[in-house]
Amino acid sequence: RKDQLSCFFYADALGRGLGVEKDVVASFELFREQCDAGSSEACYELSVKYLQGIGTPQSFERSGQALDKACKMHNKRACAVLDLLPKNWRGRGDKIPSFDRK
């Protein structure tokens, strides 16, 4: 079994090129594996990668799904971000959500 914390930090280092050669695709894959293994922090980071299209094609839908998954695992940052989104948008459709709350 892999050490989750070490894998998380290694994925972060790969994505930033800190002490290792920068590899955003490998970073994305490691975060995805960690998210699938139940790491809420990795799910949060995965949502950012999807949102920004770093190491993967940009997908607002998948970003929202990863945020929702992280929130369901009680990740406070993910829940806080979801609270900022319109209630009808939690990763549904690849369109930028409207933040007009009128």
Protein backbone atom coordinates (compact mmCIF):
# COMPACT_ATOMS: atom_id res chain seq x y z
CA ARG A 1 0.00 0.00 0.00
CA LYS A 2 1.32 3.39 -0.97
CA ASP A 3 1.83 6.10 1.61
CA GLN A 4 -0.97 8.54 0.75
CA LEU A 5 0.66 11.63 2.21
CA SER A 6 3.94 11.00 0.37
CA CYS A 7 2.07 10.42 -2.90
CA PHE A 8 0.11 13.63 -2.39
CA PHE A 9 3.26 15.70 -1.84
CA TYR A 10 5.01 14.01 -4.76
CA ALA A 11 2.04 14.78 -7.05
CA ASP A 12 2.15 18.39 -5.90
CA ALA A 13 5.91 18.59 -6.49
CA LEU A 14 5.51 17.12 -9.99
CA GLY A 15 2.83 19.65 -10.86
CA ARG A 16 4.98 22.55 -9.74
CA GLY A 17 8.40 21.22 -10.72
CA LEU A 18 9.66 21.48 -7.13
CA GLY A 19 12.80 19.37 -6.79
CA VAL A 20 11.74 17.17 -9.70
CA GLU A 21 11.18 17.69 -13.39
CA LYS A 22 7.76 19.26 -13.92
CA ASP A 23 5.22 16.76 -15.27
CA VAL A 24 1.65 18.03 -15.06
CA VAL A 25 0.18 14.87 -16.64
CA ALA A 26 1.85 12.58 -14.07
CA SER A 27 0.76 14.97 -11.33
CA PHE A 28 -2.84 14.82 -12.54
CA GLU A 29 -2.76 11.00 -12.70
CA LEU A 30 -1.39 10.72 -9.17
CA PHE A 31 -4.06 13.08 -7.81
CA ARG A 32 -6.72 11.04 -9.64
CA GLU A 33 -5.43 7.78 -8.16
CA GLN A 34 -5.36 9.32 -4.69
CA CYS A 35 -8.87 10.72 -5.11
CA ASP A 36 -10.11 7.28 -6.22
CA ALA A 37 -8.42 5.84 -3.12
CA GLY A 38 -10.40 8.19 -0.86
CA SER A 39 -8.21 11.25 -0.32
CA SER A 40 -10.43 14.33 -0.06
CA GLU A 41 -7.44 16.67 -0.50
CA ALA A 42 -6.47 14.87 -3.71
CA CYS A 43 -10.08 15.22 -4.95
CA TYR A 44 -9.93 18.94 -4.24
CA GLU A 45 -6.64 19.27 -6.15
CA LEU A 46 -8.08 17.17 -8.96
CA SER A 47 -10.99 19.60 -9.22
CA VAL A 48 -8.52 22.45 -9.65
CA LYS A 49 -6.66 20.55 -12.39
CA TYR A 50 -9.92 19.93 -14.26
CA LEU A 51 -11.02 23.53 -13.80
CA GLN A 52 -7.76 24.93 -15.15
CA GLY A 53 -7.12 22.18 -17.71
CA ILE A 54 -3.72 21.32 -16.24
CA GLY A 55 -2.56 17.82 -17.16
CA THR A 56 -6.00 17.03 -18.59
CA PRO A 57 -8.54 18.64 -20.89
CA GLN A 58 -10.53 21.34 -19.11
CA SER A 59 -13.88 20.10 -17.81
CA PHE A 60 -16.16 22.10 -15.57
CA GLU A 61 -18.35 19.04 -15.16
CA ARG A 62 -15.51 16.86 -13.86
CA SER A 63 -14.22 19.71 -11.71
CA GLY A 64 -17.63 19.96 -10.07
CA GLN A 65 -17.83 16.20 -9.62
CA ALA A 66 -14.42 16.11 -7.93
CA LEU A 67 -15.43 19.03 -5.67
CA ASP A 68 -18.66 17.27 -4.77
CA LYS A 69 -16.78 14.05 -3.99
CA ALA A 70 -14.29 15.94 -1.79
CA CYS A 71 -17.10 17.74 0.03
CA LYS A 72 -18.89 14.46 0.68
CA MET A 73 -15.63 13.32 2.34
CA HIS A 74 -15.90 16.42 4.60
CA ASN A 75 -13.25 18.52 2.86
CA LYS A 76 -13.99 22.02 4.12
CA ARG A 77 -12.31 23.83 1.21
CA ALA A 78 -14.33 21.86 -1.35
CA CYS A 79 -17.58 22.49 0.54
CA ALA A 80 -16.77 26.20 0.77
CA VAL A 81 -16.22 26.41 -2.99
CA LEU A 82 -19.44 24.52 -3.67
CA ASP A 83 -21.30 26.92 -1.40
CA LEU A 84 -20.20 29.76 -3.69
CA LEU A 85 -21.67 28.11 -6.76
CA PRO A 86 -25.31 28.41 -7.73
CA LYS A 87 -27.28 25.62 -6.07
CA ASN A 88 -28.32 24.14 -9.43
CA TRP A 89 -24.70 23.76 -10.58
CA ARG A 90 -22.63 20.98 -9.12
CA GLY A 91 -20.70 19.75 -12.11
CA ARG A 92 -23.60 19.59 -14.52
CA GLY A 93 -22.54 20.53 -18.03
CA ASP A 94 -19.34 21.98 -19.41
CA LYS A 95 -20.38 25.61 -19.18
CA ILE A 96 -18.99 28.22 -16.86
CA PRO A 97 -21.52 28.65 -14.07
CA SER A 98 -23.24 32.00 -13.68
CA PHE A 99 -22.47 33.72 -10.41
CA ASP A 100 -25.36 36.15 -10.71
CA ARG A 101 -27.46 35.41 -7.64
CA LYS A 102 -30.33 37.84 -8.40
